[in-house]
Amino acid sequence: MRRGAGLAVTPWMSHALRLLMPPGPMSSLVSMDTRPNLAVLGFTAGLCVAAALIAGLVPALQVGRMNLSARLNAGGRSGTAGRTRNRLRSTLVASEVALALVALVGAGLFARGFQQTLRIDPGFDPDHVLLNQFYLSTNGYNLAQRKEFCRRLEERMLAAPGVTDVAYSDGVRWDSSRVGGRS
């Protein structure tokens, strides 16, 4: 039920994330694919089923081993559960509170980091700049083939109408002293 609701809300939430971006040329760099990925959905569903089975297996085995009517009668007379039982419950509740606190702190740090990321000055005017990444070495290109690919790509891009300059690099640094050069 919740997963279905999450899938239904995904397109609207991704649109809301775009609205968080400051207006300007950098906002066009945010691109999100909100189509459902069946492999991820299948893995998530399997993980949820496994977690539910594991979480329900321990209590089911404990209940299966005890004499239920004798336990109910004994608990009804004394009105209290054993110390071990209370200690286990207290430990579980404390663990849940600690994990919730860790999740809240992590979410707060994520939000703060996202706000700081929006204020980063890239060191150049990002208007009409296209940045792309190619993983040539992992796709079987040797050094000579990579150099030839970059040379041909530069020629083709410079021949395209409206292109004034082309630069390529093995790594992108957001440093104004390196903008426009080749490395």
C-alpha atoms as a PDB file:
ATOM      1  CA  MET A   1       0.000   0.000   0.000  1.00  0.00           C
ATOM      2  CA  ARG A   2       2.715   2.466   1.015  1.00  0.00           C
ATOM      3  CA  ARG A   3       4.960   1.488  -1.883  1.00  0.00           C
ATOM      4  CA  GLY A   4       2.114   2.076  -4.304  1.00  0.00           C
ATOM      5  CA  ALA A   5       1.488   5.492  -2.793  1.00  0.00           C
ATOM      6  CA  GLY A   6       5.206   6.251  -3.026  1.00  0.00           C
ATOM      7  CA  LEU A   7       5.262   5.331  -6.703  1.00  0.00           C
ATOM      8  CA  ALA A   8       2.231   7.509  -7.371  1.00  0.00           C
ATOM      9  CA  VAL A   9       3.789  10.525  -5.616  1.00  0.00           C
ATOM     10  CA  THR A  10       7.260  10.195  -7.225  1.00  0.00           C
ATOM     11  CA  PRO A  11       6.636  12.425 -10.295  1.00  0.00           C
ATOM     12  CA  TRP A  12       5.208  15.229  -8.163  1.00  0.00           C
ATOM     13  CA  MET A  13       8.026  15.007  -5.630  1.00  0.00           C
ATOM     14  CA  SER A  14      10.701  15.131  -8.339  1.00  0.00           C
ATOM     15  CA  HIS A  15       8.986  18.246  -9.705  1.00  0.00           C
ATOM     16  CA  ALA A  16       9.031  19.716  -6.188  1.00  0.00           C
ATOM     17  CA  LEU A  17      12.767  18.999  -5.983  1.00  0.00           C
ATOM     18  CA  ARG A  18      13.285  20.971  -9.184  1.00  0.00           C
ATOM     19  CA  LEU A  19      11.436  23.890  -7.582  1.00  0.00           C
ATOM     20  CA  LEU A  20      14.000  23.900  -4.757  1.00  0.00           C
ATOM     21  CA  MET A  21      16.764  24.701  -7.233  1.00  0.00           C
ATOM     22  CA  PRO A  22      17.535  28.420  -7.546  1.00  0.00           C
ATOM     23  CA  PRO A  23      16.397  29.986 -10.821  1.00  0.00           C
ATOM     24  CA  GLY A  24      19.018  30.266 -13.496  1.00  0.00           C
ATOM     25  CA  PRO A  25      21.039  28.102 -15.837  1.00  0.00           C
ATOM     26  CA  MET A  26      22.043  25.579 -13.164  1.00  0.00           C
ATOM     27  CA  SER A  27      18.406  24.530 -12.683  1.00  0.00           C
ATOM     28  CA  SER A  28      18.386  23.018 -16.179  1.00  0.00           C
ATOM     29  CA  LEU A  29      21.178  20.643 -15.094  1.00  0.00           C
ATOM     30  CA  VAL A  30      18.796  18.762 -12.798  1.00  0.00           C
ATOM     31  CA  SER A  31      17.429  15.832 -14.738  1.00  0.00           C
ATOM     32  CA  MET A  32      15.466  13.053 -13.095  1.00  0.00           C
ATOM     33  CA  ASP A  33      14.185   9.850 -14.535  1.00  0.00           C
ATOM     34  CA  THR A  34      11.033   9.017 -12.570  1.00  0.00           C
ATOM     35  CA  ARG A  35      10.125   5.905 -14.503  1.00  0.00           C
ATOM     36  CA  PRO A  36       9.939   2.856 -12.237  1.00  0.00           C
ATOM     37  CA  ASN A  37      12.906   0.523 -12.472  1.00  0.00           C
ATOM     38  CA  LEU A  38      11.517  -3.008 -12.303  1.00  0.00           C
ATOM     39  CA  ALA A  39      14.773  -4.516 -11.030  1.00  0.00           C
ATOM     40  CA  VAL A  40      14.902  -2.048  -8.135  1.00  0.00           C
ATOM     41  CA  LEU A  41      11.202  -2.541  -7.390  1.00  0.00           C
ATOM     42  CA  GLY A  42      11.628  -6.327  -7.386  1.00  0.00           C
ATOM     43  CA  PHE A  43      14.663  -6.144  -5.107  1.00  0.00           C
ATOM     44  CA  THR A  44      12.849  -3.784  -2.726  1.00  0.00           C
ATOM     45  CA  ALA A  45       9.764  -5.996  -2.635  1.00  0.00           C
ATOM     46  CA  GLY A  46      11.916  -9.059  -1.954  1.00  0.00           C
ATOM     47  CA  LEU A  47      13.781  -7.225   0.782  1.00  0.00           C
ATOM     48  CA  CYS A  48      10.496  -6.171   2.410  1.00  0.00           C
ATOM     49  CA  VAL A  49       9.156  -9.729   2.311  1.00  0.00           C
ATOM     50  CA  ALA A  50      12.396 -11.101   3.775  1.00  0.00           C
ATOM     51  CA  ALA A  51      12.405  -8.496   6.559  1.00  0.00           C
ATOM     52  CA  ALA A  52       8.776  -9.243   7.406  1.00  0.00           C
ATOM     53  CA  LEU A  53       9.426 -12.982   7.508  1.00  0.00           C
ATOM     54  CA  ILE A  54      12.514 -12.608   9.675  1.00  0.00           C
ATOM     55  CA  ALA A  55      10.801 -10.176  12.039  1.00  0.00           C
ATOM     56  CA  GLY A  56       7.778 -12.455  12.403  1.00  0.00           C
ATOM     57  CA  LEU A  57       9.687 -15.717  12.649  1.00  0.00           C
ATOM     58  CA  VAL A  58      11.199 -15.203  16.123  1.00  0.00           C
ATOM     59  CA  PRO A  59       7.912 -14.366  17.893  1.00  0.00           C
ATOM     60  CA  ALA A  60       6.136 -17.194  16.064  1.00  0.00           C
ATOM     61  CA  LEU A  61       8.759 -19.705  17.215  1.00  0.00           C
ATOM     62  CA  GLN A  62       8.560 -18.431  20.806  1.00  0.00           C
ATOM     63  CA  VAL A  63       4.775 -18.712  20.886  1.00  0.00           C
ATOM     64  CA  GLY A  64       4.917 -22.179  19.353  1.00  0.00           C
ATOM     65  CA  ARG A  65       7.154 -23.474  22.155  1.00  0.00           C
ATOM     66  CA  MET A  66       5.164 -22.255  25.151  1.00  0.00           C
ATOM     67  CA  ASN A  67       2.077 -23.572  26.887  1.00  0.00           C
ATOM     68  CA  LEU A  68      -0.201 -20.655  26.071  1.00  0.00           C
ATOM     69  CA  SER A  69      -3.014 -21.295  28.563  1.00  0.00           C
ATOM     70  CA  ALA A  70      -0.621 -21.730  31.512  1.00  0.00           C
ATOM     71  CA  ARG A  71       1.252 -18.530  30.546  1.00  0.00           C
ATOM     72  CA  LEU A  72      -1.977 -16.557  30.224  1.00  0.00           C
ATOM     73  CA  ASN A  73      -3.200 -17.763  33.605  1.00  0.00           C
ATOM     74  CA  ALA A  74       0.147 -17.008  35.278  1.00  0.00           C
ATOM     75  CA  GLY A  75       0.323 -13.557  33.712  1.00  0.00           C
ATOM     76  CA  GLY A  76      -3.252 -12.790  34.667  1.00  0.00           C
ATOM     77  CA  ARG A  77      -2.644 -13.556  38.351  1.00  0.00           C
ATOM     78  CA  SER A  78       0.566 -11.614  38.779  1.00  0.00           C
ATOM     79  CA  GLY A  79      -0.195  -8.845  36.277  1.00  0.00           C
ATOM     80  CA  THR A  80       3.462  -8.397  35.406  1.00  0.00           C
ATOM     81  CA  ALA A  81       5.787  -9.926  32.921  1.00  0.00           C
ATOM     82  CA  GLY A  82       9.186 -11.285  33.847  1.00  0.00           C
ATOM     83  CA  ARG A  83      12.216  -9.047  34.270  1.00  0.00           C
ATOM     84  CA  THR A  84      13.882 -10.520  31.225  1.00  0.00           C
ATOM     85  CA  ARG A  85      10.857  -9.693  29.088  1.00  0.00           C
ATOM     86  CA  ASN A  86      10.738  -6.108  30.353  1.00  0.00           C
ATOM     87  CA  ARG A  87      14.479  -5.685  29.827  1.00  0.00           C
ATOM     88  CA  LEU A  88      14.173  -6.936  26.238  1.00  0.00           C
ATOM     89  CA  ARG A  89      11.298  -4.546  25.524  1.00  0.00           C
ATOM     90  CA  SER A  90      13.188  -1.630  27.065  1.00  0.00           C
ATOM     91  CA  THR A  91      16.262  -2.444  25.011  1.00  0.00           C
ATOM     92  CA  LEU A  92      14.218  -2.628  21.799  1.00  0.00           C
ATOM     93  CA  VAL A  93      12.466   0.677  22.510  1.00  0.00           C
ATOM     94  CA  ALA A  94      15.778   2.379  23.334  1.00  0.00           C
ATOM     95  CA  SER A  95      17.288   0.993  20.113  1.00  0.00           C
ATOM     96  CA  GLU A  96      14.360   2.289  18.049  1.00  0.00           C
ATOM     97  CA  VAL A  97      14.628   5.740  19.611  1.00  0.00           C
ATOM     98  CA  ALA A  98      18.397   5.803  18.981  1.00  0.00           C
ATOM     99  CA  LEU A  99      17.949   4.761  15.343  1.00  0.00           C
ATOM    100  CA  ALA A 100      15.221   7.369  14.850  1.00  0.00           C
ATOM    101  CA  LEU A 101      17.520  10.009  16.307  1.00  0.00           C
ATOM    102  CA  VAL A 102      20.336   8.956  13.967  1.00  0.00           C
ATOM    103  CA  ALA A 103      17.914   9.167  11.013  1.00  0.00           C
ATOM    104  CA  LEU A 104      16.753  12.642  12.055  1.00  0.00           C
ATOM    105  CA  VAL A 105      20.315  13.922  12.483  1.00  0.00           C
ATOM    106  CA  GLY A 106      21.265  12.421   9.113  1.00  0.00           C
ATOM    107  CA  ALA A 107      18.275  14.062   7.416  1.00  0.00           C
ATOM    108  CA  GLY A 108      19.162  17.403   9.002  1.00  0.00           C
ATOM    109  CA  LEU A 109      22.773  17.135   7.834  1.00  0.00           C
ATOM    110  CA  PHE A 110      21.597  16.187   4.342  1.00  0.00           C
ATOM    111  CA  ALA A 111      19.282  19.218   4.181  1.00  0.00           C
ATOM    112  CA  ARG A 112      22.050  21.519   5.438  1.00  0.00           C
ATOM    113  CA  GLY A 113      24.519  20.110   2.912  1.00  0.00           C
ATOM    114  CA  PHE A 114      21.977  20.538   0.121  1.00  0.00           C
ATOM    115  CA  GLN A 115      21.479  24.199   1.073  1.00  0.00           C
ATOM    116  CA  GLN A 116      25.238  24.773   1.084  1.00  0.00           C
ATOM    117  CA  THR A 117      25.571  23.068  -2.296  1.00  0.00           C
ATOM    118  CA  LEU A 118      23.111  25.539  -3.789  1.00  0.00           C
ATOM    119  CA  ARG A 119      25.446  28.398  -2.782  1.00  0.00           C
ATOM    120  CA  ILE A 120      28.579  26.997  -4.465  1.00  0.00           C
ATOM    121  CA  ASP A 121      30.135  29.372  -6.994  1.00  0.00           C
ATOM    122  CA  PRO A 122      31.398  27.209  -9.898  1.00  0.00           C
ATOM    123  CA  GLY A 123      33.965  29.853 -10.889  1.00  0.00           C
ATOM    124  CA  PHE A 124      32.475  30.500 -14.333  1.00  0.00           C
ATOM    125  CA  ASP A 125      29.216  31.530 -15.950  1.00  0.00           C
ATOM    126  CA  PRO A 126      27.360  28.211 -16.350  1.00  0.00           C
ATOM    127  CA  ASP A 127      24.953  29.646 -18.931  1.00  0.00           C
ATOM    128  CA  HIS A 128      25.184  27.720 -22.235  1.00  0.00           C
ATOM    129  CA  VAL A 129      27.693  25.214 -20.862  1.00  0.00           C
ATOM    130  CA  LEU A 130      27.314  21.506 -21.484  1.00  0.00           C
ATOM    131  CA  LEU A 131      29.135  19.022 -19.303  1.00  0.00           C
ATOM    132  CA  ASN A 132      29.204  15.329 -20.087  1.00  0.00           C
ATOM    133  CA  GLN A 133      31.149  12.309 -18.928  1.00  0.00           C
ATOM    134  CA  PHE A 134      32.463   9.378 -20.943  1.00  0.00           C
ATOM    135  CA  TYR A 135      33.924   6.249 -19.386  1.00  0.00           C
ATOM    136  CA  LEU A 136      36.111   5.191 -22.271  1.00  0.00           C
ATOM    137  CA  SER A 137      38.652   3.096 -20.364  1.00  0.00           C
ATOM    138  CA  THR A 138      35.960   0.932 -18.779  1.00  0.00           C
ATOM    139  CA  ASN A 139      34.411   0.376 -22.211  1.00  0.00           C
ATOM    140  CA  GLY A 140      37.522  -1.231 -23.677  1.00  0.00           C
ATOM    141  CA  TYR A 141      39.251   1.815 -25.232  1.00  0.00           C
ATOM    142  CA  ASN A 142      43.021   1.845 -24.937  1.00  0.00           C
ATOM    143  CA  LEU A 143      44.975   5.107 -24.530  1.00  0.00           C
ATOM    144  CA  ALA A 144      45.469   5.679 -28.271  1.00  0.00           C
ATOM    145  CA  GLN A 145      41.779   5.042 -28.991  1.00  0.00           C
ATOM    146  CA  ARG A 146      40.752   7.429 -26.189  1.00  0.00           C
ATOM    147  CA  LYS A 147      42.966  10.199 -27.587  1.00  0.00           C
ATOM    148  CA  GLU A 148      41.588   9.649 -31.089  1.00  0.00           C
ATOM    149  CA  PHE A 149      38.004   9.684 -29.749  1.00  0.00           C
ATOM    150  CA  CYS A 150      38.625  12.994 -27.951  1.00  0.00           C
ATOM    151  CA  ARG A 151      40.237  14.533 -31.051  1.00  0.00           C
ATOM    152  CA  ARG A 152      37.319  13.529 -33.317  1.00  0.00           C
ATOM    153  CA  LEU A 153      34.758  14.605 -30.720  1.00  0.00           C
ATOM    154  CA  GLU A 154      36.419  18.031 -30.462  1.00  0.00           C
ATOM    155  CA  GLU A 155      36.386  18.440 -34.253  1.00  0.00           C
ATOM    156  CA  ARG A 156      32.720  17.477 -34.539  1.00  0.00           C
ATOM    157  CA  MET A 157      31.646  19.691 -31.655  1.00  0.00           C
ATOM    158  CA  LEU A 158      33.526  22.727 -33.007  1.00  0.00           C
ATOM    159  CA  ALA A 159      31.844  22.160 -36.379  1.00  0.00           C
ATOM    160  CA  ALA A 160      28.385  22.316 -34.757  1.00  0.00           C
ATOM    161  CA  PRO A 161      26.578  25.655 -35.179  1.00  0.00           C
ATOM    162  CA  GLY A 162      26.700  27.915 -32.121  1.00  0.00           C
ATOM    163  CA  VAL A 163      29.642  26.162 -30.453  1.00  0.00           C
ATOM    164  CA  THR A 164      32.405  28.650 -29.654  1.00  0.00           C
ATOM    165  CA  ASP A 165      34.817  26.570 -27.578  1.00  0.00           C
ATOM    166  CA  VAL A 166      35.357  22.989 -26.539  1.00  0.00           C
ATOM    167  CA  ALA A 167      37.345  21.629 -23.622  1.00  0.00           C
ATOM    168  CA  TYR A 168      37.899  18.144 -22.318  1.00  0.00           C
ATOM    169  CA  SER A 169      39.519  16.766 -19.214  1.00  0.00           C
ATOM    170  CA  ASP A 170      40.098  13.510 -17.390  1.00  0.00           C
ATOM    171  CA  GLY A 171      38.511  15.057 -14.298  1.00  0.00           C
ATOM    172  CA  VAL A 172      36.371  18.119 -13.696  1.00  0.00           C
ATOM    173  CA  ARG A 173      37.454  20.508 -10.961  1.00  0.00           C
ATOM    174  CA  TRP A 174      35.152  23.354 -10.045  1.00  0.00           C
ATOM    175  CA  ASP A 175      38.021  25.840  -9.910  1.00  0.00           C
ATOM    176  CA  SER A 176      37.979  29.099 -11.882  1.00  0.00           C
ATOM    177  CA  SER A 177      41.719  28.887 -12.629  1.00  0.00           C
ATOM    178  CA  ARG A 178      41.189  25.718 -14.699  1.00  0.00           C
ATOM    179  CA  VAL A 179      38.110  26.695 -16.725  1.00  0.00           C
ATOM    180  CA  GLY A 180      38.505  26.552 -20.492  1.00  0.00           C
ATOM    181  CA  GLY A 181      41.796  24.677 -20.510  1.00  0.00           C
ATOM    182  CA  ARG A 182      42.710  21.135 -21.359  1.00  0.00           C
ATOM    183  CA  SER A 183      44.441  18.753 -19.029  1.00  0.00           C
END
